[in-house]
C-alpha atoms as a PDB file:
ATOM      1  CA  UNK A   1      29.464  98.314  -8.760  1.00  0.00           C
ATOM      2  CA  UNK A   2      32.000 101.796  -8.339  1.00  0.00           C
ATOM      3  CA  UNK A   3      31.920 103.936 -11.585  1.00  0.00           C
ATOM      4  CA  UNK A   4      36.182 105.301 -11.515  1.00  0.00           C
ATOM      5  CA  UNK A   5      38.012 107.121 -14.531  1.00  0.00           C
ATOM      6  CA  UNK A   6      41.081 105.958 -15.008  1.00  0.00           C
ATOM      7  CA  UNK A   7      43.666 107.198 -17.271  1.00  0.00           C
ATOM      8  CA  UNK A   8      46.120 104.554 -19.079  1.00  0.00           C
ATOM      9  CA  UNK A   9      48.977 104.663 -21.513  1.00  0.00           C
ATOM     10  CA  UNK A  10      47.799 103.801 -25.469  1.00  0.00           C
ATOM     11  CA  UNK A  11      49.692 100.639 -25.635  1.00  0.00           C
ATOM     12  CA  UNK A  12      47.621  99.150 -22.282  1.00  0.00           C
ATOM     13  CA  UNK A  13      44.568 100.195 -23.776  1.00  0.00           C
ATOM     14  CA  UNK A  14      45.123  98.849 -27.732  1.00  0.00           C
ATOM     15  CA  UNK A  15      46.714  95.769 -25.649  1.00  0.00           C
ATOM     16  CA  UNK A  16      43.617  95.429 -24.041  1.00  0.00           C
ATOM     17  CA  UNK A  17      41.186  95.995 -26.463  1.00  0.00           C
ATOM     18  CA  UNK A  18      42.681  92.995 -29.391  1.00  0.00           C
ATOM     19  CA  UNK A  19      42.118  90.767 -26.151  1.00  0.00           C
ATOM     20  CA  UNK A  20      38.616  92.156 -25.685  1.00  0.00           C
ATOM     21  CA  UNK A  21      38.452  91.523 -29.269  1.00  0.00           C
ATOM     22  CA  UNK A  22      39.566  87.808 -28.944  1.00  0.00           C
ATOM     23  CA  UNK A  23      37.709  87.070 -25.590  1.00  0.00           C
ATOM     24  CA  UNK A  24      34.328  88.896 -27.174  1.00  0.00           C
ATOM     25  CA  UNK A  25      34.210  90.670 -23.932  1.00  0.00           C
ATOM     26  CA  UNK A  26      34.101  94.128 -22.691  1.00  0.00           C
ATOM     27  CA  UNK A  27      37.273  95.795 -22.177  1.00  0.00           C
ATOM     28  CA  UNK A  28      35.916  97.168 -19.275  1.00  0.00           C
ATOM     29  CA  UNK A  29      35.303  93.694 -17.810  1.00  0.00           C
ATOM     30  CA  UNK A  30      38.863  92.579 -18.715  1.00  0.00           C
ATOM     31  CA  UNK A  31      39.828  95.687 -16.374  1.00  0.00           C
ATOM     32  CA  UNK A  32      37.882  94.479 -13.709  1.00  0.00           C
ATOM     33  CA  UNK A  33      39.104  90.750 -13.767  1.00  0.00           C
ATOM     34  CA  UNK A  34      42.567  92.430 -13.853  1.00  0.00           C
ATOM     35  CA  UNK A  35      42.078  94.613 -10.931  1.00  0.00           C
ATOM     36  CA  UNK A  36      40.323  92.045  -8.670  1.00  0.00           C
ATOM     37  CA  UNK A  37      43.530  89.553  -9.947  1.00  0.00           C
ATOM     38  CA  UNK A  38      46.263  92.045  -8.745  1.00  0.00           C
ATOM     39  CA  UNK A  39      43.855  93.050  -5.678  1.00  0.00           C
ATOM     40  CA  UNK A  40      44.039  88.938  -4.597  1.00  0.00           C
ATOM     41  CA  UNK A  41      47.475  88.404  -5.543  1.00  0.00           C
ATOM     42  CA  UNK A  42      48.832  91.484  -4.347  1.00  0.00           C
ATOM     43  CA  UNK A  43      46.998  93.582  -2.198  1.00  0.00           C
ATOM     44  CA  UNK A  44      45.393  90.913   0.499  1.00  0.00           C
ATOM     45  CA  UNK A  45      47.306  89.456   3.377  1.00  0.00           C
ATOM     46  CA  UNK A  46      48.177  86.209   3.276  1.00  0.00           C
ATOM     47  CA  UNK A  47      49.758  83.480   5.637  1.00  0.00           C
ATOM     48  CA  UNK A  48      53.342  81.950   4.214  1.00  0.00           C
ATOM     49  CA  UNK A  49      53.461  78.508   3.450  1.00  0.00           C
ATOM     50  CA  UNK A  50      56.493  77.545   6.049  1.00  0.00           C
ATOM     51  CA  UNK A  51      55.514  73.482   6.004  1.00  0.00           C
ATOM     52  CA  UNK A  52      54.255  71.636   2.422  1.00  0.00           C
ATOM     53  CA  UNK A  53      51.159  69.463   3.063  1.00  0.00           C
ATOM     54  CA  UNK A  54      51.422  65.963   3.116  1.00  0.00           C
ATOM     55  CA  UNK A  55      49.781  63.135   2.365  1.00  0.00           C
ATOM     56  CA  UNK A  56      48.040  61.354   5.289  1.00  0.00           C
ATOM     57  CA  UNK A  57      50.118  58.633   6.422  1.00  0.00           C
ATOM     58  CA  UNK A  58      53.568  60.012   5.047  1.00  0.00           C
ATOM     59  CA  UNK A  59      56.026  62.493   6.597  1.00  0.00           C
ATOM     60  CA  UNK A  60      58.555  64.344   5.314  1.00  0.00           C
ATOM     61  CA  UNK A  61      62.311  62.147   4.553  1.00  0.00           C
ATOM     62  CA  UNK A  62      64.253  65.221   6.348  1.00  0.00           C
ATOM     63  CA  UNK A  63      64.523  68.839   7.241  1.00  0.00           C
ATOM     64  CA  UNK A  64      63.279  71.115   4.321  1.00  0.00           C
ATOM     65  CA  UNK A  65      65.616  73.240   2.558  1.00  0.00           C
ATOM     66  CA  UNK A  66      66.357  76.989   3.095  1.00  0.00           C
ATOM     67  CA  UNK A  67      64.677  79.180   0.647  1.00  0.00           C
ATOM     68  CA  UNK A  68      67.566  80.351   0.096  1.00  0.00           C
ATOM     69  CA  UNK A  69      69.164  77.127  -0.556  1.00  0.00           C
ATOM     70  CA  UNK A  70      66.437  76.256  -3.244  1.00  0.00           C
ATOM     71  CA  UNK A  71      66.705  79.863  -5.550  1.00  0.00           C
ATOM     72  CA  UNK A  72      70.773  78.531  -4.913  1.00  0.00           C
ATOM     73  CA  UNK A  73      70.357  75.274  -6.469  1.00  0.00           C
ATOM     74  CA  UNK A  74      67.596  77.245  -9.447  1.00  0.00           C
ATOM     75  CA  UNK A  75      70.056  79.951 -10.422  1.00  0.00           C
ATOM     76  CA  UNK A  76      73.310  77.993 -10.557  1.00  0.00           C
ATOM     77  CA  UNK A  77      74.696  77.572 -13.471  1.00  0.00           C
ATOM     78  CA  UNK A  78      75.775  73.885 -14.010  1.00  0.00           C
ATOM     79  CA  UNK A  79      79.643  73.131 -14.798  1.00  0.00           C
ATOM     80  CA  UNK A  80      80.165  70.151 -16.933  1.00  0.00           C
ATOM     81  CA  UNK A  81      83.447  67.656 -15.917  1.00  0.00           C
ATOM     82  CA  UNK A  82      86.376  69.223 -17.841  1.00  0.00           C
ATOM     83  CA  UNK A  83      86.614  65.671 -19.473  1.00  0.00           C
ATOM     84  CA  UNK A  84      82.642  65.789 -20.422  1.00  0.00           C
ATOM     85  CA  UNK A  85      82.405  65.764 -24.290  1.00  0.00           C
ATOM     86  CA  UNK A  86      79.526  67.548 -24.314  1.00  0.00           C
ATOM     87  CA  UNK A  87      81.487  70.783 -22.579  1.00  0.00           C
ATOM     88  CA  UNK A  88      82.676  73.657 -25.404  1.00  0.00           C
END
């Protein structure tokens, strides 16, 4: 292992101290875990998932929507018909 020195905010360090106490682990171990997680998620190159996996013998029923179409549906605010009793 490589020993390093890092300056952190008081708030961040206090949060790690509380978490370390709750988990019964040293602060240094939590920081090492956080660094490893960040490396895996943000720093290492990964191949993009372009096709959804399917079970053997099954096929997609049609073309997959584009990412912007999916997010458009997720972020779109639902609208109720004018005669809907739940409409404010």
